[in-house]
Amino acid sequence: MRVPVQLGVGAALTAVFALAALVSFVWTPHDVTQIAVSQKLQAPGGGYLFGTDHLGRDVLSLLMAGARTSIAVALVAVGIGAGIGVPLGLLAAAGRGRLLDEVVMRGNDLIFAFPSLVIAILITAVLGPSAINAIIAIGIFNIPVFARVARGGALSIWPRDFIMAARAAGKGAARISAEHILPNIANLLIVQATIQFSLGILAEAALSYIGLGAQPPVPSWGRMLAEAQTYFYADPRLAVLPGLAIVLTVLGLNLMGDGLRDMLDPRLRRDAL
């Protein structure tokens, strides 16, 4: 099977930042919590590959640790959304047209009626600014997304002959959903997960930018942008580098999602042939 170009490029970009995040657990060039005002706003070089910020902290170390924060928040939020949304979508499809289906879909409509970022800001403002509350806020809005994708995919599978055979064999709706429906819609869920992952990184950066995400001394790309805006004209590097990290990570995930869609969707594979 030929691997789409965008999948390779997206996976490479994502791997770079994922590797930086993993390495930051055990090593960074400098301590990200160490403040050295005498070294503030140093240009790249002299032991600081990307220079230092307004507090004398190593920018490269902050970028590495910030990748850890952004990826962790987005990953857990996607896990929450998929872990709750997919079973709800499968149950709704299994009982299509019944009360459970109506309750799940109208609940999804209610959440979708409000701008996700605005409600995420409200939730973190009420619960208090922290990475945990950012995860909760972002995860809540991932639930209806995965529920709709799972339900839509499952509804196209339920009329198939092999599902009828499973029902004739005495299997219940829950068992059919787990053994037959879920494997057949896994490609849809994987692609959607990459999209929600990229949106989660953007949402975490936005919440941290306004002070409602990860709190000091935990580094965050969004807070790096917020702190850099005061020094933008004096040293634009402080804003460009975290902004570029966010853009490249989101771009990589979106390219990877597009590539996975092209590779996993049999209809697109047939069109390519």
C-alpha atoms as a PDB file:
ATOM      1  CA  MET A   1       0.000   0.000   0.000  1.00  0.00           C
ATOM      2  CA  ARG A   2       1.411   3.373  -1.018  1.00  0.00           C
ATOM      3  CA  VAL A   3       1.769   5.801   1.882  1.00  0.00           C
ATOM      4  CA  PRO A   4       0.341   9.253   1.014  1.00  0.00           C
ATOM      5  CA  VAL A   5       2.906  12.049   0.961  1.00  0.00           C
ATOM      6  CA  GLN A   6       0.945  14.175   3.413  1.00  0.00           C
ATOM      7  CA  LEU A   7       0.882  11.274   5.872  1.00  0.00           C
ATOM      8  CA  GLY A   8       4.665  11.004   5.794  1.00  0.00           C
ATOM      9  CA  VAL A   9       5.177  14.768   6.155  1.00  0.00           C
ATOM     10  CA  GLY A  10       2.583  15.047   8.903  1.00  0.00           C
ATOM     11  CA  ALA A  11       3.964  12.081  10.816  1.00  0.00           C
ATOM     12  CA  ALA A  12       7.487  13.513  10.602  1.00  0.00           C
ATOM     13  CA  LEU A  13       6.409  16.924  11.942  1.00  0.00           C
ATOM     14  CA  THR A  14       4.364  15.337  14.705  1.00  0.00           C
ATOM     15  CA  ALA A  15       7.193  12.980  15.631  1.00  0.00           C
ATOM     16  CA  VAL A  16       9.647  15.866  16.049  1.00  0.00           C
ATOM     17  CA  PHE A  17       7.509  17.608  18.647  1.00  0.00           C
ATOM     18  CA  ALA A  18       6.416  14.362  20.297  1.00  0.00           C
ATOM     19  CA  LEU A  19      10.076  13.374  20.653  1.00  0.00           C
ATOM     20  CA  ALA A  20      10.919  16.791  22.111  1.00  0.00           C
ATOM     21  CA  ALA A  21       8.104  16.366  24.622  1.00  0.00           C
ATOM     22  CA  LEU A  22       9.281  12.888  25.638  1.00  0.00           C
ATOM     23  CA  VAL A  23      12.910  13.972  25.967  1.00  0.00           C
ATOM     24  CA  SER A  24      11.865  16.911  28.150  1.00  0.00           C
ATOM     25  CA  PHE A  25      10.708  14.467  30.838  1.00  0.00           C
ATOM     26  CA  VAL A  26      14.325  13.480  31.483  1.00  0.00           C
ATOM     27  CA  TRP A  27      16.435  16.264  29.971  1.00  0.00           C
ATOM     28  CA  THR A  28      16.331  19.857  28.806  1.00  0.00           C
ATOM     29  CA  PRO A  29      19.387  22.016  27.985  1.00  0.00           C
ATOM     30  CA  HIS A  30      18.624  24.195  31.020  1.00  0.00           C
ATOM     31  CA  ASP A  31      16.291  24.142  34.006  1.00  0.00           C
ATOM     32  CA  VAL A  32      13.006  25.707  32.864  1.00  0.00           C
ATOM     33  CA  THR A  33      12.260  26.948  36.392  1.00  0.00           C
ATOM     34  CA  GLN A  34      15.607  28.692  36.801  1.00  0.00           C
ATOM     35  CA  ILE A  35      15.351  32.472  36.548  1.00  0.00           C
ATOM     36  CA  ALA A  36      18.501  34.423  35.704  1.00  0.00           C
ATOM     37  CA  VAL A  37      17.539  38.047  35.135  1.00  0.00           C
ATOM     38  CA  SER A  38      21.133  38.920  34.334  1.00  0.00           C
ATOM     39  CA  GLN A  39      20.846  36.653  31.260  1.00  0.00           C
ATOM     40  CA  LYS A  40      17.513  38.023  30.019  1.00  0.00           C
ATOM     41  CA  LEU A  41      16.841  38.577  26.314  1.00  0.00           C
ATOM     42  CA  GLN A  42      20.116  36.986  25.261  1.00  0.00           C
ATOM     43  CA  ALA A  43      20.484  36.413  21.513  1.00  0.00           C
ATOM     44  CA  PRO A  44      20.895  32.836  20.235  1.00  0.00           C
ATOM     45  CA  GLY A  45      24.338  31.448  20.971  1.00  0.00           C
ATOM     46  CA  GLY A  46      26.636  31.133  23.939  1.00  0.00           C
ATOM     47  CA  GLY A  47      24.975  27.999  25.317  1.00  0.00           C
ATOM     48  CA  TYR A  48      21.449  29.143  24.423  1.00  0.00           C
ATOM     49  CA  LEU A  49      20.526  27.815  20.992  1.00  0.00           C
ATOM     50  CA  PHE A  50      17.366  29.954  20.750  1.00  0.00           C
ATOM     51  CA  GLY A  51      18.443  32.596  23.255  1.00  0.00           C
ATOM     52  CA  THR A  52      16.706  33.486  26.528  1.00  0.00           C
ATOM     53  CA  ASP A  53      13.414  35.125  27.450  1.00  0.00           C
ATOM     54  CA  HIS A  54      12.667  38.169  29.609  1.00  0.00           C
ATOM     55  CA  LEU A  55      13.421  36.170  32.769  1.00  0.00           C
ATOM     56  CA  GLY A  56      16.659  34.681  31.493  1.00  0.00           C
ATOM     57  CA  ARG A  57      15.177  31.221  30.887  1.00  0.00           C
ATOM     58  CA  ASP A  58      16.385  29.112  27.972  1.00  0.00           C
ATOM     59  CA  VAL A  59      13.815  29.368  25.155  1.00  0.00           C
ATOM     60  CA  LEU A  60      14.646  25.927  23.717  1.00  0.00           C
ATOM     61  CA  SER A  61      14.052  24.293  27.099  1.00  0.00           C
ATOM     62  CA  LEU A  62      10.750  26.147  27.426  1.00  0.00           C
ATOM     63  CA  LEU A  63       9.682  24.991  23.957  1.00  0.00           C
ATOM     64  CA  MET A  64      10.497  21.366  24.791  1.00  0.00           C
ATOM     65  CA  ALA A  65       8.655  21.462  28.112  1.00  0.00           C
ATOM     66  CA  GLY A  66       5.799  23.409  26.520  1.00  0.00           C
ATOM     67  CA  ALA A  67       5.395  20.643  23.943  1.00  0.00           C
ATOM     68  CA  ARG A  68       5.005  18.198  26.821  1.00  0.00           C
ATOM     69  CA  THR A  69       2.232  20.290  28.359  1.00  0.00           C
ATOM     70  CA  SER A  70       0.322  20.933  25.118  1.00  0.00           C
ATOM     71  CA  ILE A  71       0.522  17.343  23.888  1.00  0.00           C
ATOM     72  CA  ALA A  72      -0.404  15.878  27.288  1.00  0.00           C
ATOM     73  CA  VAL A  73      -3.452  18.122  27.699  1.00  0.00           C
ATOM     74  CA  ALA A  74      -4.681  17.489  24.139  1.00  0.00           C
ATOM     75  CA  LEU A  75      -4.012  13.738  24.326  1.00  0.00           C
ATOM     76  CA  VAL A  76      -5.896  13.225  27.587  1.00  0.00           C
ATOM     77  CA  ALA A  77      -8.761  15.442  26.385  1.00  0.00           C
ATOM     78  CA  VAL A  78      -9.071  13.351  23.207  1.00  0.00           C
ATOM     79  CA  GLY A  79      -8.996  10.204  25.350  1.00  0.00           C
ATOM     80  CA  ILE A  80     -11.870  11.557  27.441  1.00  0.00           C
ATOM     81  CA  GLY A  81     -13.862  12.475  24.355  1.00  0.00           C
ATOM     82  CA  ALA A  82     -13.305   9.121  22.643  1.00  0.00           C
ATOM     83  CA  GLY A  83     -13.732   7.072  25.825  1.00  0.00           C
ATOM     84  CA  ILE A  84     -17.154   8.562  26.525  1.00  0.00           C
ATOM     85  CA  GLY A  85     -18.333   9.702  23.103  1.00  0.00           C
ATOM     86  CA  VAL A  86     -17.697   6.504  21.134  1.00  0.00           C
ATOM     87  CA  PRO A  87     -19.723   4.224  23.467  1.00  0.00           C
ATOM     88  CA  LEU A  88     -22.535   6.792  23.524  1.00  0.00           C
ATOM     89  CA  GLY A  89     -22.548   6.946  19.724  1.00  0.00           C
ATOM     90  CA  LEU A  90     -22.552   3.159  19.421  1.00  0.00           C
ATOM     91  CA  LEU A  91     -25.411   2.848  21.915  1.00  0.00           C
ATOM     92  CA  ALA A  92     -27.382   5.553  20.123  1.00  0.00           C
ATOM     93  CA  ALA A  93     -26.935   3.755  16.780  1.00  0.00           C
ATOM     94  CA  ALA A  94     -27.910   0.407  18.309  1.00  0.00           C
ATOM     95  CA  GLY A  95     -31.144   1.958  19.626  1.00  0.00           C
ATOM     96  CA  ARG A  96     -31.719   4.242  16.636  1.00  0.00           C
ATOM     97  CA  GLY A  97     -35.042   6.028  16.767  1.00  0.00           C
ATOM     98  CA  ARG A  98     -35.570   5.163  20.427  1.00  0.00           C
ATOM     99  CA  LEU A  99     -35.346   7.263  23.580  1.00  0.00           C
ATOM    100  CA  LEU A 100     -31.602   6.749  24.154  1.00  0.00           C
ATOM    101  CA  ASP A 101     -30.799   7.827  20.600  1.00  0.00           C
ATOM    102  CA  GLU A 102     -32.880  10.989  21.020  1.00  0.00           C
ATOM    103  CA  VAL A 103     -31.332  11.827  24.392  1.00  0.00           C
ATOM    104  CA  VAL A 104     -27.758  11.401  23.092  1.00  0.00           C
ATOM    105  CA  MET A 105     -28.312  13.385  19.911  1.00  0.00           C
ATOM    106  CA  ARG A 106     -30.236  16.217  21.566  1.00  0.00           C
ATOM    107  CA  GLY A 107     -27.526  16.416  24.220  1.00  0.00           C
ATOM    108  CA  ASN A 108     -24.966  16.713  21.433  1.00  0.00           C
ATOM    109  CA  ASP A 109     -27.023  19.462  19.804  1.00  0.00           C
ATOM    110  CA  LEU A 110     -27.160  21.338  23.105  1.00  0.00           C
ATOM    111  CA  ILE A 111     -23.366  21.300  23.492  1.00  0.00           C
ATOM    112  CA  PHE A 112     -22.808  22.225  19.843  1.00  0.00           C
ATOM    113  CA  ALA A 113     -25.161  25.206  20.257  1.00  0.00           C
ATOM    114  CA  PHE A 114     -22.460  27.068  22.193  1.00  0.00           C
ATOM    115  CA  PRO A 115     -19.017  28.067  20.917  1.00  0.00           C
ATOM    116  CA  SER A 116     -16.650  25.472  22.319  1.00  0.00           C
ATOM    117  CA  LEU A 117     -13.835  27.843  23.228  1.00  0.00           C
ATOM    118  CA  VAL A 118     -16.178  30.264  25.012  1.00  0.00           C
ATOM    119  CA  ILE A 119     -17.638  27.485  27.159  1.00  0.00           C
ATOM    120  CA  ALA A 120     -14.140  26.105  27.790  1.00  0.00           C
ATOM    121  CA  ILE A 121     -13.153  29.555  29.071  1.00  0.00           C
ATOM    122  CA  LEU A 122     -16.276  29.593  31.278  1.00  0.00           C
ATOM    123  CA  ILE A 123     -15.537  26.147  32.715  1.00  0.00           C
ATOM    124  CA  THR A 124     -11.906  26.926  33.516  1.00  0.00           C
ATOM    125  CA  ALA A 125     -12.885  30.302  34.945  1.00  0.00           C
ATOM    126  CA  VAL A 126     -15.411  28.639  37.279  1.00  0.00           C
ATOM    127  CA  LEU A 127     -13.271  25.658  38.278  1.00  0.00           C
ATOM    128  CA  GLY A 128     -10.060  27.673  38.401  1.00  0.00           C
ATOM    129  CA  PRO A 129      -7.096  27.937  36.031  1.00  0.00           C
ATOM    130  CA  SER A 130      -5.054  24.736  35.786  1.00  0.00           C
ATOM    131  CA  ALA A 131      -3.985  22.115  33.272  1.00  0.00           C
ATOM    132  CA  ILE A 132      -6.434  19.596  34.792  1.00  0.00           C
ATOM    133  CA  ASN A 133      -9.398  21.918  34.352  1.00  0.00           C
ATOM    134  CA  ALA A 134      -8.265  22.711  30.806  1.00  0.00           C
ATOM    135  CA  ILE A 135      -8.313  18.972  30.085  1.00  0.00           C
ATOM    136  CA  ILE A 136     -11.850  18.696  31.491  1.00  0.00           C
ATOM    137  CA  ALA A 137     -13.079  21.680  29.486  1.00  0.00           C
ATOM    138  CA  ILE A 138     -11.548  20.491  26.200  1.00  0.00           C
ATOM    139  CA  GLY A 139     -12.565  16.871  26.829  1.00  0.00           C
ATOM    140  CA  ILE A 140     -16.229  17.788  27.328  1.00  0.00           C
ATOM    141  CA  PHE A 141     -16.429  19.210  23.822  1.00  0.00           C
ATOM    142  CA  ASN A 142     -14.718  16.187  22.321  1.00  0.00           C
ATOM    143  CA  ILE A 143     -17.495  13.917  23.584  1.00  0.00           C
ATOM    144  CA  PRO A 144     -20.267  14.981  21.152  1.00  0.00           C
ATOM    145  CA  VAL A 145     -17.824  15.016  18.237  1.00  0.00           C
ATOM    146  CA  PHE A 146     -16.866  11.376  18.753  1.00  0.00           C
ATOM    147  CA  ALA A 147     -20.464  10.436  19.560  1.00  0.00           C
ATOM    148  CA  ARG A 148     -21.674  11.800  16.222  1.00  0.00           C
ATOM    149  CA  VAL A 149     -18.877  10.213  14.223  1.00  0.00           C
ATOM    150  CA  ALA A 150     -19.396   6.841  15.926  1.00  0.00           C
ATOM    151  CA  ARG A 151     -23.170   6.982  15.491  1.00  0.00           C
ATOM    152  CA  GLY A 152     -22.975   8.006  11.834  1.00  0.00           C
ATOM    153  CA  GLY A 153     -20.461   5.288  11.029  1.00  0.00           C
ATOM    154  CA  ALA A 154     -22.383   2.650  12.973  1.00  0.00           C
ATOM    155  CA  LEU A 155     -25.690   3.457  11.256  1.00  0.00           C
ATOM    156  CA  SER A 156     -24.108   2.628   7.898  1.00  0.00           C
ATOM    157  CA  ILE A 157     -22.920  -0.744   9.218  1.00  0.00           C
ATOM    158  CA  TRP A 158     -26.045  -1.992  11.004  1.00  0.00           C
ATOM    159  CA  PRO A 159     -28.000  -2.956   7.821  1.00  0.00           C
ATOM    160  CA  ARG A 160     -25.131  -5.130   6.512  1.00  0.00           C
ATOM    161  CA  ASP A 161     -25.635  -8.864   6.048  1.00  0.00           C
ATOM    162  CA  PHE A 162     -22.910  -9.889   8.501  1.00  0.00           C
ATOM    163  CA  ILE A 163     -24.657  -7.860  11.232  1.00  0.00           C
ATOM    164  CA  MET A 164     -27.909  -9.659  10.488  1.00  0.00           C
ATOM    165  CA  ALA A 165     -26.036 -12.958  10.726  1.00  0.00           C
ATOM    166  CA  ALA A 166     -24.627 -11.941  14.113  1.00  0.00           C
ATOM    167  CA  ARG A 167     -28.100 -11.052  15.338  1.00  0.00           C
ATOM    168  CA  ALA A 168     -29.425 -14.390  14.070  1.00  0.00           C
ATOM    169  CA  ALA A 169     -26.655 -16.085  16.052  1.00  0.00           C
ATOM    170  CA  GLY A 170     -28.102 -14.563  19.215  1.00  0.00           C
ATOM    171  CA  LYS A 171     -25.627 -11.761  19.823  1.00  0.00           C
ATOM    172  CA  GLY A 172     -26.946  -8.691  21.622  1.00  0.00           C
ATOM    173  CA  ALA A 173     -26.603  -5.102  20.475  1.00  0.00           C
ATOM    174  CA  ALA A 174     -23.747  -4.328  22.858  1.00  0.00           C
ATOM    175  CA  ARG A 175     -21.734  -7.358  21.747  1.00  0.00           C
ATOM    176  CA  ILE A 176     -22.356  -6.647  18.061  1.00  0.00           C
ATOM    177  CA  SER A 177     -21.265  -3.035  18.568  1.00  0.00           C
ATOM    178  CA  ALA A 178     -18.034  -4.098  20.261  1.00  0.00           C
ATOM    179  CA  GLU A 179     -17.130  -7.056  18.022  1.00  0.00           C
ATOM    180  CA  HIS A 180     -18.407  -5.992  14.607  1.00  0.00           C
ATOM    181  CA  ILE A 181     -19.327  -2.295  14.468  1.00  0.00           C
ATOM    182  CA  LEU A 182     -16.359  -0.753  16.269  1.00  0.00           C
ATOM    183  CA  PRO A 183     -13.633  -2.472  14.158  1.00  0.00           C
ATOM    184  CA  ASN A 184     -15.381  -1.347  10.980  1.00  0.00           C
ATOM    185  CA  ILE A 185     -15.537   2.314  11.991  1.00  0.00           C
ATOM    186  CA  ALA A 186     -12.073   2.442  13.589  1.00  0.00           C
ATOM    187  CA  ASN A 187     -10.638   4.264  10.560  1.00  0.00           C
ATOM    188  CA  LEU A 188     -13.193   7.069  10.970  1.00  0.00           C
ATOM    189  CA  LEU A 189     -12.403   7.391  14.653  1.00  0.00           C
ATOM    190  CA  ILE A 190      -8.640   7.427  14.106  1.00  0.00           C
ATOM    191  CA  VAL A 191      -8.871  10.228  11.562  1.00  0.00           C
ATOM    192  CA  GLN A 192     -11.218  12.202  13.802  1.00  0.00           C
ATOM    193  CA  ALA A 193      -8.857  11.705  16.736  1.00  0.00           C
ATOM    194  CA  THR A 194      -5.988  13.354  14.857  1.00  0.00           C
ATOM    195  CA  ILE A 195      -8.222  16.319  14.029  1.00  0.00           C
ATOM    196  CA  GLN A 196      -9.408  16.693  17.638  1.00  0.00           C
ATOM    197  CA  PHE A 197      -5.814  16.314  18.823  1.00  0.00           C
ATOM    198  CA  SER A 198      -4.756  19.331  16.765  1.00  0.00           C
ATOM    199  CA  LEU A 199      -7.782  21.320  17.929  1.00  0.00           C
ATOM    200  CA  GLY A 200      -6.949  20.362  21.513  1.00  0.00           C
ATOM    201  CA  ILE A 201      -3.458  21.812  21.163  1.00  0.00           C
ATOM    202  CA  LEU A 202      -4.937  25.051  19.825  1.00  0.00           C
ATOM    203  CA  ALA A 203      -7.494  25.172  22.645  1.00  0.00           C
ATOM    204  CA  GLU A 204      -4.823  24.557  25.303  1.00  0.00           C
ATOM    205  CA  ALA A 205      -2.672  27.317  23.836  1.00  0.00           C
ATOM    206  CA  ALA A 206      -5.647  29.693  23.798  1.00  0.00           C
ATOM    207  CA  LEU A 207      -6.563  28.938  27.417  1.00  0.00           C
ATOM    208  CA  SER A 208      -2.954  29.324  28.556  1.00  0.00           C
ATOM    209  CA  TYR A 209      -2.649  32.564  26.587  1.00  0.00           C
ATOM    210  CA  ILE A 210      -5.413  34.158  28.657  1.00  0.00           C
ATOM    211  CA  GLY A 211      -4.119  32.630  31.892  1.00  0.00           C
ATOM    212  CA  LEU A 212      -6.665  29.815  32.312  1.00  0.00           C
ATOM    213  CA  GLY A 213      -4.499  26.874  31.284  1.00  0.00           C
ATOM    214  CA  ALA A 214      -1.326  25.459  32.807  1.00  0.00           C
ATOM    215  CA  GLN A 215      -0.026  27.698  35.574  1.00  0.00           C
ATOM    216  CA  PRO A 216       3.570  28.717  36.366  1.00  0.00           C
ATOM    217  CA  PRO A 217       6.068  27.199  36.738  1.00  0.00           C
ATOM    218  CA  VAL A 218       4.659  24.655  34.223  1.00  0.00           C
ATOM    219  CA  PRO A 219       5.736  25.879  30.741  1.00  0.00           C
ATOM    220  CA  SER A 220       3.145  26.311  28.017  1.00  0.00           C
ATOM    221  CA  TRP A 221       3.328  27.553  24.440  1.00  0.00           C
ATOM    222  CA  GLY A 222       0.263  29.727  24.961  1.00  0.00           C
ATOM    223  CA  ARG A 223       1.703  31.447  28.010  1.00  0.00           C
ATOM    224  CA  MET A 224       5.017  31.945  26.194  1.00  0.00           C
ATOM    225  CA  LEU A 225       3.055  33.874  23.546  1.00  0.00           C
ATOM    226  CA  ALA A 226       1.260  35.921  26.192  1.00  0.00           C
ATOM    227  CA  GLU A 227       4.519  36.825  27.934  1.00  0.00           C
ATOM    228  CA  ALA A 228       6.235  37.639  24.635  1.00  0.00           C
ATOM    229  CA  GLN A 229       3.696  40.190  23.446  1.00  0.00           C
ATOM    230  CA  THR A 230       5.186  42.875  25.717  1.00  0.00           C
ATOM    231  CA  TYR A 231       8.593  42.366  24.114  1.00  0.00           C
ATOM    232  CA  PHE A 232       7.409  41.765  20.561  1.00  0.00           C
ATOM    233  CA  TYR A 233       9.012  44.854  19.024  1.00  0.00           C
ATOM    234  CA  ALA A 234      12.182  44.499  21.082  1.00  0.00           C
ATOM    235  CA  ASP A 235      12.606  40.757  20.445  1.00  0.00           C
ATOM    236  CA  PRO A 236      10.001  39.162  18.119  1.00  0.00           C
ATOM    237  CA  ARG A 237      11.827  35.830  18.411  1.00  0.00           C
ATOM    238  CA  LEU A 238      10.070  35.215  21.743  1.00  0.00           C
ATOM    239  CA  ALA A 239       6.666  35.210  20.019  1.00  0.00           C
ATOM    240  CA  VAL A 240       7.686  33.702  16.682  1.00  0.00           C
ATOM    241  CA  LEU A 241       9.214  30.511  18.099  1.00  0.00           C
ATOM    242  CA  PRO A 242       6.250  29.272  20.224  1.00  0.00           C
ATOM    243  CA  GLY A 243       3.838  30.425  17.515  1.00  0.00           C
ATOM    244  CA  LEU A 244       5.791  28.459  14.941  1.00  0.00           C
ATOM    245  CA  ALA A 245       5.789  25.411  17.230  1.00  0.00           C
ATOM    246  CA  ILE A 246       1.994  25.550  17.497  1.00  0.00           C
ATOM    247  CA  VAL A 247       1.544  26.034  13.747  1.00  0.00           C
ATOM    248  CA  LEU A 248       3.877  23.193  12.776  1.00  0.00           C
ATOM    249  CA  THR A 249       2.395  20.763  15.304  1.00  0.00           C
ATOM    250  CA  VAL A 250      -1.180  21.475  14.215  1.00  0.00           C
ATOM    251  CA  LEU A 251      -0.148  21.348  10.551  1.00  0.00           C
ATOM    252  CA  GLY A 252       1.559  17.997  11.108  1.00  0.00           C
ATOM    253  CA  LEU A 253      -1.490  16.509  12.806  1.00  0.00           C
ATOM    254  CA  ASN A 254      -3.855  17.786  10.113  1.00  0.00           C
ATOM    255  CA  LEU A 255      -1.641  16.442   7.331  1.00  0.00           C
ATOM    256  CA  MET A 256      -1.420  13.129   9.142  1.00  0.00           C
ATOM    257  CA  GLY A 257      -5.211  13.028   9.471  1.00  0.00           C
ATOM    258  CA  ASP A 258      -5.662  13.715   5.764  1.00  0.00           C
ATOM    259  CA  GLY A 259      -3.115  11.048   4.912  1.00  0.00           C
ATOM    260  CA  LEU A 260      -4.759   8.480   7.162  1.00  0.00           C
ATOM    261  CA  ARG A 261      -8.137   9.260   5.612  1.00  0.00           C
ATOM    262  CA  ASP A 262      -6.743   8.730   2.113  1.00  0.00           C
ATOM    263  CA  MET A 263      -5.019   5.516   3.119  1.00  0.00           C
ATOM    264  CA  LEU A 264      -7.829   3.980   5.187  1.00  0.00           C
ATOM    265  CA  ASP A 265     -10.853   4.965   3.085  1.00  0.00           C
ATOM    266  CA  PRO A 266     -11.371   2.205   0.485  1.00  0.00           C
ATOM    267  CA  ARG A 267     -13.360   4.534  -1.782  1.00  0.00           C
ATOM    268  CA  LEU A 268     -10.495   6.997  -2.018  1.00  0.00           C
ATOM    269  CA  ARG A 269      -8.066   4.151  -2.661  1.00  0.00           C
ATOM    270  CA  ARG A 270     -10.216   2.940  -5.565  1.00  0.00           C
ATOM    271  CA  ASP A 271     -10.405   6.469  -7.018  1.00  0.00           C
ATOM    272  CA  ALA A 272      -6.608   6.736  -6.830  1.00  0.00           C
ATOM    273  CA  LEU A 273      -6.256   3.501  -8.746  1.00  0.00           C
END
